[in-house]
Protein backbone atom coordinates (compact mmCIF):
# COMPACT_ATOMS: atom_id res chain seq x y z
CA MET A 1 21.15 -18.48 -51.30
CA ARG A 2 23.83 -17.96 -48.66
CA TYR A 3 22.90 -14.29 -48.24
CA LEU A 4 19.24 -15.17 -48.03
CA SER A 5 19.83 -17.57 -45.13
CA LEU A 6 21.99 -14.99 -43.30
CA TYR A 7 19.25 -12.39 -43.81
CA PHE A 8 16.60 -14.83 -42.55
CA PHE A 9 18.53 -15.68 -39.37
CA GLY A 10 19.27 -11.99 -38.77
CA ILE A 11 15.58 -11.10 -39.00
CA LEU A 12 14.67 -14.06 -36.79
CA THR A 13 17.11 -12.87 -34.13
CA VAL A 14 15.73 -9.33 -34.15
CA ILE A 15 12.17 -10.60 -33.87
CA SER A 16 13.02 -12.83 -30.91
CA PHE A 17 14.68 -9.94 -29.04
CA SER A 18 11.79 -7.57 -29.66
CA GLY A 19 9.24 -10.17 -28.50
CA ASN A 20 11.01 -10.60 -25.16
CA THR A 21 11.21 -6.85 -24.65
CA VAL A 22 7.49 -6.40 -25.22
CA SER A 23 6.55 -9.20 -22.85
CA GLN A 24 8.80 -7.80 -20.12
CA ALA A 25 7.53 -4.25 -20.57
CA ASN A 26 3.98 -5.28 -19.68
CA THR A 27 4.84 -7.02 -16.42
CA GLN A 28 4.28 -5.29 -13.12
CA THR A 29 6.46 -6.06 -10.15
CA GLN A 30 4.98 -6.50 -6.73
CA PRO A 31 6.92 -5.25 -3.73
CA THR A 32 8.59 -8.08 -1.89
CA LYS A 33 8.08 -8.59 1.80
CA THR A 34 11.08 -8.41 4.07
CA TYR A 35 11.59 -11.17 6.61
CA LEU A 36 14.31 -10.50 9.15
CA ALA A 37 15.95 -12.76 11.71
CA GLN A 38 16.49 -9.78 13.99
CA LYS A 39 14.55 -6.54 13.82
CA PRO A 40 16.74 -3.46 13.38
CA ASN A 41 16.51 -0.53 15.75
CA CYS A 42 14.43 1.81 13.60
CA ASN A 43 14.41 4.50 16.29
CA ASP A 44 18.15 5.00 15.80
CA PRO A 45 19.45 3.29 12.63
CA GLN A 46 23.26 3.24 12.50
CA THR A 47 23.99 2.08 8.94
CA GLN A 48 22.61 2.69 5.47
CA LEU A 49 21.37 -0.89 5.42
CA ASP A 50 19.37 -0.27 8.62
CA ILE A 51 17.92 2.92 7.12
CA ASN A 52 16.91 1.04 3.96
CA ILE A 53 15.31 -1.81 5.89
CA CYS A 54 13.43 0.57 8.20
CA SER A 55 12.18 2.57 5.21
CA GLN A 56 10.95 -0.59 3.52
CA LEU A 57 9.19 -1.77 6.67
CA SER A 58 7.60 1.65 7.11
CA TYR A 59 6.38 1.59 3.51
CA GLN A 60 4.93 -1.92 3.90
CA ASN A 61 3.10 -0.94 7.09
CA ALA A 62 1.65 2.18 5.49
CA ASP A 63 0.66 0.20 2.39
CA LYS A 64 -1.21 -2.34 4.54
CA LYS A 65 -3.20 0.48 6.14
CA ILE A 66 -4.39 1.98 2.83
CA GLU A 67 -5.09 -1.28 0.97
CA PRO A 68 -8.74 -2.28 1.04
CA SER A 69 -9.22 -5.60 2.79
CA LEU A 70 -10.52 -8.24 0.42
């Protein structure tokens, strides 16, 4: 009986992990919008952070242009 209960709880644990993995695999993430207190100088970015922020802003602007308005 002891081995049966250990087996049962082991199977239950595996099932719970696989269920979470399947539900997470089907989710789609939406790009987040960036809100800044001060706009970086995208004409001459000086740091990697500035480059990343400017790239994200450029992507968001281009994405707005190609999305159909609903």
